[in-house]
Amino acid sequence: MDTGIQCSFGTEYQLSKTICVFAELTTVNVNHTFKREKILRYEVDGIDLLSTLESTEFNDLDDCAVFNHVGLNIGIKYIFGK
């Protein structure tokens, strides 16, 4: 299990008792390190060549994948029951 951080900040403006508009900036920072890998398919020009590989499993990898992103959310919020 890998962990990361997510942060958001934003504002909203009330148009009436039940309707608001909002804007929010969100950022997510997560890195994942892979320790093992298995090749499931290996094709060249549409021909399956998986059986020609010496090994399809790799252990003790140190590959890192980065899942960072930033997003802007803008919308209308309706409040029920006020």
N, C-alpha and C. Protein backbone atom coordinates (compact mmCIF):
# COMPACT_ATOMS: atom_id res chain seq x y z
N MET A 1 0.85 -1.17 0.00
CA MET A 1 0.00 0.00 0.00
C MET A 1 0.89 1.24 0.00
N ASP A 2 0.59 2.17 -0.87
CA ASP A 2 1.30 3.43 -0.93
C ASP A 2 0.38 4.54 -0.45
N THR A 3 0.97 5.58 0.06
CA THR A 3 0.19 6.71 0.55
C THR A 3 0.59 7.97 -0.21
N GLY A 4 -0.26 8.96 -0.13
CA GLY A 4 0.00 10.23 -0.79
C GLY A 4 -0.73 11.33 -0.06
N ILE A 5 -0.86 12.44 -0.72
CA ILE A 5 -1.53 13.59 -0.11
C ILE A 5 -2.49 14.21 -1.13
N GLN A 6 -3.61 14.67 -0.64
CA GLN A 6 -4.59 15.38 -1.45
C GLN A 6 -4.95 16.66 -0.73
N CYS A 7 -4.90 17.77 -1.44
CA CYS A 7 -5.23 19.07 -0.86
C CYS A 7 -6.24 19.78 -1.75
N SER A 8 -7.18 20.45 -1.13
CA SER A 8 -8.19 21.22 -1.87
C SER A 8 -8.43 22.53 -1.15
N PHE A 9 -8.66 23.56 -1.95
CA PHE A 9 -9.15 24.80 -1.37
C PHE A 9 -10.03 25.47 -2.41
N GLY A 10 -10.99 26.22 -1.89
CA GLY A 10 -11.93 26.84 -2.80
C GLY A 10 -12.79 27.86 -2.10
N THR A 11 -13.78 28.31 -2.84
CA THR A 11 -14.69 29.31 -2.32
C THR A 11 -16.07 29.08 -2.92
N GLU A 12 -17.07 29.62 -2.26
CA GLU A 12 -18.41 29.57 -2.82
C GLU A 12 -19.11 30.90 -2.58
N TYR A 13 -20.03 31.19 -3.46
CA TYR A 13 -20.78 32.44 -3.40
C TYR A 13 -22.27 32.09 -3.39
N GLN A 14 -22.98 32.58 -2.40
CA GLN A 14 -24.40 32.25 -2.25
C GLN A 14 -25.23 33.18 -3.14
N LEU A 15 -26.00 32.57 -4.05
CA LEU A 15 -26.89 33.33 -4.94
C LEU A 15 -28.27 33.52 -4.33
N SER A 16 -28.73 32.51 -3.59
CA SER A 16 -30.01 32.58 -2.90
C SER A 16 -29.91 31.67 -1.67
N LYS A 17 -31.04 31.44 -0.99
CA LYS A 17 -31.01 30.58 0.20
C LYS A 17 -30.60 29.15 -0.12
N THR A 18 -30.90 28.69 -1.31
CA THR A 18 -30.66 27.29 -1.64
C THR A 18 -29.66 27.06 -2.77
N ILE A 19 -29.15 28.11 -3.42
CA ILE A 19 -28.25 27.95 -4.56
C ILE A 19 -26.95 28.71 -4.32
N CYS A 20 -25.84 28.01 -4.53
CA CYS A 20 -24.51 28.61 -4.44
C CYS A 20 -23.71 28.22 -5.68
N VAL A 21 -22.77 29.05 -6.07
CA VAL A 21 -21.78 28.67 -7.08
C VAL A 21 -20.45 28.50 -6.34
N PHE A 22 -19.62 27.58 -6.84
CA PHE A 22 -18.36 27.32 -6.16
C PHE A 22 -17.24 27.09 -7.16
N ALA A 23 -16.03 27.30 -6.69
CA ALA A 23 -14.81 26.98 -7.43
C ALA A 23 -13.83 26.35 -6.44
N GLU A 24 -13.15 25.30 -6.90
CA GLU A 24 -12.26 24.56 -6.01
C GLU A 24 -11.05 24.08 -6.79
N LEU A 25 -9.87 24.26 -6.23
CA LEU A 25 -8.63 23.77 -6.82
C LEU A 25 -8.17 22.58 -5.98
N THR A 26 -7.93 21.45 -6.63
CA THR A 26 -7.54 20.22 -5.95
C THR A 26 -6.23 19.71 -6.53
N THR A 27 -5.34 19.25 -5.67
CA THR A 27 -4.10 18.63 -6.11
C THR A 27 -3.91 17.30 -5.39
N VAL A 28 -3.40 16.31 -6.12
CA VAL A 28 -3.16 14.98 -5.57
C VAL A 28 -1.71 14.60 -5.90
N ASN A 29 -0.97 14.13 -4.90
CA ASN A 29 0.40 13.70 -5.09
C ASN A 29 0.56 12.29 -4.54
N VAL A 30 0.78 11.31 -5.42
CA VAL A 30 0.96 9.91 -5.01
C VAL A 30 2.02 9.29 -5.91
N ASN A 31 2.96 8.58 -5.30
CA ASN A 31 3.96 7.80 -6.04
C ASN A 31 3.80 6.34 -5.64
N HIS A 32 3.89 5.45 -6.62
CA HIS A 32 3.77 4.02 -6.36
C HIS A 32 5.00 3.32 -6.91
N THR A 33 5.65 2.51 -6.09
CA THR A 33 6.82 1.76 -6.52
C THR A 33 6.44 0.29 -6.71
N PHE A 34 6.72 -0.23 -7.90
CA PHE A 34 6.40 -1.61 -8.23
C PHE A 34 7.57 -2.50 -7.85
N LYS A 35 7.27 -3.62 -7.20
CA LYS A 35 8.31 -4.57 -6.78
C LYS A 35 8.37 -5.80 -7.67
N ARG A 36 7.27 -6.12 -8.37
CA ARG A 36 7.28 -7.27 -9.26
C ARG A 36 6.41 -6.98 -10.48
N GLU A 37 6.64 -7.74 -11.53
CA GLU A 37 5.94 -7.52 -12.79
C GLU A 37 5.77 -8.86 -13.50
N LYS A 38 4.67 -8.99 -14.25
CA LYS A 38 4.43 -10.18 -15.05
C LYS A 38 3.92 -9.74 -16.41
N ILE A 39 4.56 -10.22 -17.47
CA ILE A 39 4.14 -9.92 -18.84
C ILE A 39 2.99 -10.86 -19.19
N LEU A 40 1.85 -10.30 -19.57
CA LEU A 40 0.68 -11.10 -19.90
C LEU A 40 0.51 -11.32 -21.39
N ARG A 41 1.03 -10.38 -22.20
CA ARG A 41 0.88 -10.51 -23.64
C ARG A 41 2.09 -9.89 -24.31
N TYR A 42 2.62 -10.55 -25.34
CA TYR A 42 3.74 -10.03 -26.11
C TYR A 42 3.49 -10.36 -27.57
N GLU A 43 3.20 -9.33 -28.36
CA GLU A 43 2.89 -9.52 -29.78
C GLU A 43 3.78 -8.65 -30.63
N VAL A 44 4.13 -9.18 -31.80
CA VAL A 44 4.85 -8.41 -32.82
C VAL A 44 4.06 -8.56 -34.11
N ASP A 45 3.60 -7.45 -34.65
CA ASP A 45 2.79 -7.44 -35.88
C ASP A 45 1.57 -8.36 -35.77
N GLY A 46 0.96 -8.39 -34.59
CA GLY A 46 -0.25 -9.18 -34.38
C GLY A 46 -0.01 -10.66 -34.11
N ILE A 47 1.25 -11.09 -34.05
CA ILE A 47 1.58 -12.49 -33.81
C ILE A 47 2.00 -12.65 -32.35
N ASP A 48 1.39 -13.62 -31.65
CA ASP A 48 1.68 -13.87 -30.24
C ASP A 48 3.06 -14.52 -30.11
N LEU A 49 3.99 -13.83 -29.45
CA LEU A 49 5.34 -14.34 -29.25
C LEU A 49 5.68 -14.50 -27.77
N LEU A 50 4.67 -14.63 -26.93
CA LEU A 50 4.89 -14.77 -25.50
C LEU A 50 5.71 -16.01 -25.17
N SER A 51 5.51 -17.09 -25.90
CA SER A 51 6.24 -18.34 -25.62
C SER A 51 7.72 -18.24 -25.97
N THR A 52 8.13 -17.23 -26.74
CA THR A 52 9.54 -17.09 -27.10
C THR A 52 10.36 -16.38 -26.02
N LEU A 53 9.69 -15.79 -25.04
CA LEU A 53 10.42 -15.10 -23.97
C LEU A 53 10.98 -16.09 -22.98
N GLU A 54 12.17 -15.78 -22.44
CA GLU A 54 12.79 -16.66 -21.45
C GLU A 54 12.02 -16.64 -20.13
N SER A 55 11.56 -15.45 -19.73
CA SER A 55 10.83 -15.33 -18.47
C SER A 55 9.77 -14.25 -18.63
N THR A 56 8.62 -14.47 -18.01
CA THR A 56 7.55 -13.47 -18.06
C THR A 56 7.35 -12.80 -16.71
N GLU A 57 8.11 -13.22 -15.70
CA GLU A 57 7.99 -12.63 -14.36
C GLU A 57 9.30 -11.99 -13.95
N PHE A 58 9.18 -10.81 -13.34
CA PHE A 58 10.35 -10.08 -12.86
C PHE A 58 10.09 -9.70 -11.41
N ASN A 59 11.02 -10.01 -10.54
CA ASN A 59 10.91 -9.65 -9.13
C ASN A 59 12.00 -8.64 -8.78
N ASP A 60 11.85 -8.00 -7.64
CA ASP A 60 12.82 -7.01 -7.15
C ASP A 60 12.97 -5.83 -8.10
N LEU A 61 11.85 -5.36 -8.62
CA LEU A 61 11.87 -4.15 -9.46
C LEU A 61 11.94 -2.92 -8.58
N ASP A 62 12.32 -1.83 -9.18
CA ASP A 62 12.32 -0.56 -8.47
C ASP A 62 11.73 0.52 -9.39
N ASP A 63 10.66 0.16 -10.11
CA ASP A 63 10.00 1.11 -11.02
C ASP A 63 9.02 1.95 -10.23
N CYS A 64 9.01 3.23 -10.51
CA CYS A 64 8.13 4.16 -9.80
C CYS A 64 7.16 4.79 -10.79
N ALA A 65 5.89 4.79 -10.44
CA ALA A 65 4.86 5.46 -11.25
C ALA A 65 4.33 6.64 -10.45
N VAL A 66 4.16 7.77 -11.12
CA VAL A 66 3.72 9.00 -10.47
C VAL A 66 2.29 9.27 -10.90
N PHE A 67 1.42 9.48 -9.92
CA PHE A 67 0.00 9.73 -10.18
C PHE A 67 -0.39 11.13 -9.69
N ASN A 68 0.41 12.12 -9.99
CA ASN A 68 0.13 13.49 -9.55
C ASN A 68 -0.79 14.19 -10.53
N HIS A 69 -1.72 14.97 -10.02
CA HIS A 69 -2.56 15.78 -10.89
C HIS A 69 -3.14 16.97 -10.14
N VAL A 70 -3.56 17.95 -10.91
CA VAL A 70 -4.20 19.16 -10.38
C VAL A 70 -5.50 19.33 -11.14
N GLY A 71 -6.57 19.68 -10.43
CA GLY A 71 -7.86 19.85 -11.08
C GLY A 71 -8.58 21.09 -10.58
N LEU A 72 -9.40 21.65 -11.43
CA LEU A 72 -10.22 22.80 -11.08
C LEU A 72 -11.67 22.39 -11.23
N ASN A 73 -12.42 22.48 -10.14
CA ASN A 73 -13.84 22.14 -10.14
C ASN A 73 -14.64 23.43 -10.02
N ILE A 74 -15.58 23.61 -10.92
CA ILE A 74 -16.48 24.77 -10.89
C ILE A 74 -17.90 24.22 -11.03
N GLY A 75 -18.82 24.75 -10.20
CA GLY A 75 -20.16 24.22 -10.31
C GLY A 75 -21.19 25.00 -9.52
N ILE A 76 -22.38 24.43 -9.52
CA ILE A 76 -23.53 25.01 -8.80
C ILE A 76 -23.93 24.00 -7.73
N LYS A 77 -24.17 24.50 -6.53
CA LYS A 77 -24.58 23.64 -5.42
C LYS A 77 -25.99 24.03 -5.01
N TYR A 78 -26.85 23.01 -4.92
CA TYR A 78 -28.24 23.22 -4.48
C TYR A 78 -28.38 22.62 -3.09
N ILE A 79 -28.89 23.38 -2.15
CA ILE A 79 -29.03 22.93 -0.77
C ILE A 79 -30.50 22.54 -0.52
N PHE A 80 -30.73 21.27 -0.17
CA PHE A 80 -32.07 20.77 0.12
C PHE A 80 -32.42 21.04 1.59
N GLY A 81 -33.68 21.34 1.85
CA GLY A 81 -34.18 21.40 3.21
C GLY A 81 -33.87 22.65 4.00
N LYS A 82 -33.66 23.74 3.37
CA LYS A 82 -33.41 24.97 4.11
C LYS A 82 -34.65 25.78 4.24
